[in-house]
């Protein structure tokens, strides 16, 4: 459960950073330091989330599945 909370919080941070970058881009036409800083945070959070997910997969904490995961043996026995 705590893993899902962390992932959602990081996603919210990524979207907030993207919105902040857009705000600074539109508002401050001549100075782009804040825009660059906000978008750098977004890239850092995205790379961090990707690395976090890859580590969790490698440790076996979470298990990836495809778009159409194959049903387990127990699911077919129930039919």
Protein backbone atom coordinates (compact mmCIF):
# COMPACT_ATOMS: atom_id res chain seq x y z
CA UNK A 1 0.00 0.00 0.00
CA UNK A 2 2.77 2.44 0.86
CA UNK A 3 4.37 1.87 -2.54
CA UNK A 4 1.20 3.06 -4.29
CA UNK A 5 1.12 6.17 -2.10
CA UNK A 6 4.75 6.98 -2.98
CA UNK A 7 4.09 6.49 -6.69
CA UNK A 8 0.98 8.70 -6.63
CA UNK A 9 2.81 11.43 -4.68
CA UNK A 10 5.68 11.42 -7.18
CA UNK A 11 3.19 11.62 -10.07
CA UNK A 12 1.54 14.60 -8.39
CA UNK A 13 4.99 16.18 -7.99
CA UNK A 14 5.75 15.61 -11.68
CA UNK A 15 2.47 17.22 -12.77
CA UNK A 16 2.94 20.12 -10.32
CA UNK A 17 6.44 20.73 -11.62
CA UNK A 18 5.19 20.67 -15.20
CA UNK A 19 2.44 23.15 -14.33
CA UNK A 20 4.96 25.37 -12.55
CA UNK A 21 7.21 25.33 -15.61
CA UNK A 22 4.30 26.30 -17.84
CA UNK A 23 3.28 29.10 -15.47
CA UNK A 24 6.80 30.56 -15.38
CA UNK A 25 7.16 30.19 -19.14
CA UNK A 26 3.99 32.16 -19.80
CA UNK A 27 4.37 34.73 -17.03
CA UNK A 28 8.09 35.60 -17.29
CA UNK A 29 8.84 35.98 -20.95
CA UNK A 30 12.40 37.30 -20.58
CA UNK A 31 13.76 35.22 -17.67
CA UNK A 32 13.66 31.45 -18.05
CA UNK A 33 15.67 30.34 -14.99
CA UNK A 34 12.55 29.36 -13.05
CA UNK A 35 11.17 27.50 -16.05
CA UNK A 36 14.39 25.55 -16.46
CA UNK A 37 14.50 24.77 -12.73
CA UNK A 38 10.90 23.51 -12.72
CA UNK A 39 11.43 21.33 -15.77
CA UNK A 40 14.70 20.01 -14.34
CA UNK A 41 12.77 18.93 -11.23
CA UNK A 42 10.23 17.21 -13.47
CA UNK A 43 12.93 15.27 -15.30
CA UNK A 44 14.62 14.35 -12.01
CA UNK A 45 11.37 13.11 -10.50
CA UNK A 46 10.56 11.11 -13.63
CA UNK A 47 13.98 9.43 -13.70
CA UNK A 48 13.77 8.80 -9.95
CA UNK A 49 10.34 7.20 -10.28
CA UNK A 50 11.54 5.01 -13.15
CA UNK A 51 14.60 3.90 -11.14
CA UNK A 52 12.42 3.26 -8.07
CA UNK A 53 10.07 1.06 -10.10
CA UNK A 54 12.96 -0.86 -11.68
CA UNK A 55 14.49 -1.50 -8.24
CA UNK A 56 11.15 -2.73 -6.89
CA UNK A 57 10.78 -5.07 -9.87
CA UNK A 58 14.34 -6.37 -9.41
CA UNK A 59 13.71 -7.03 -5.71
CA UNK A 60 10.44 -8.80 -6.48
CA UNK A 61 8.34 -6.37 -4.48
CA UNK A 62 6.12 -5.64 -7.49
CA UNK A 63 5.50 -7.81 -10.52
CA UNK A 64 4.99 -6.29 -13.96
CA UNK A 65 2.37 -7.63 -16.33
CA UNK A 66 1.56 -7.07 -19.96
CA UNK A 67 -1.37 -5.28 -21.48
CA UNK A 68 -3.26 -8.56 -21.64
CA UNK A 69 -1.87 -10.60 -18.74
CA UNK A 70 -2.36 -14.33 -18.96
CA UNK A 71 -4.89 -15.66 -16.47
CA UNK A 72 -3.49 -17.69 -13.61
CA UNK A 73 -4.08 -21.44 -13.36
CA UNK A 74 -6.60 -20.92 -10.57
CA UNK A 75 -8.69 -18.56 -12.69
CA UNK A 76 -9.09 -21.11 -15.47
CA UNK A 77 -10.08 -23.85 -13.02
CA UNK A 78 -12.97 -21.69 -11.78
CA UNK A 79 -14.59 -21.55 -15.25
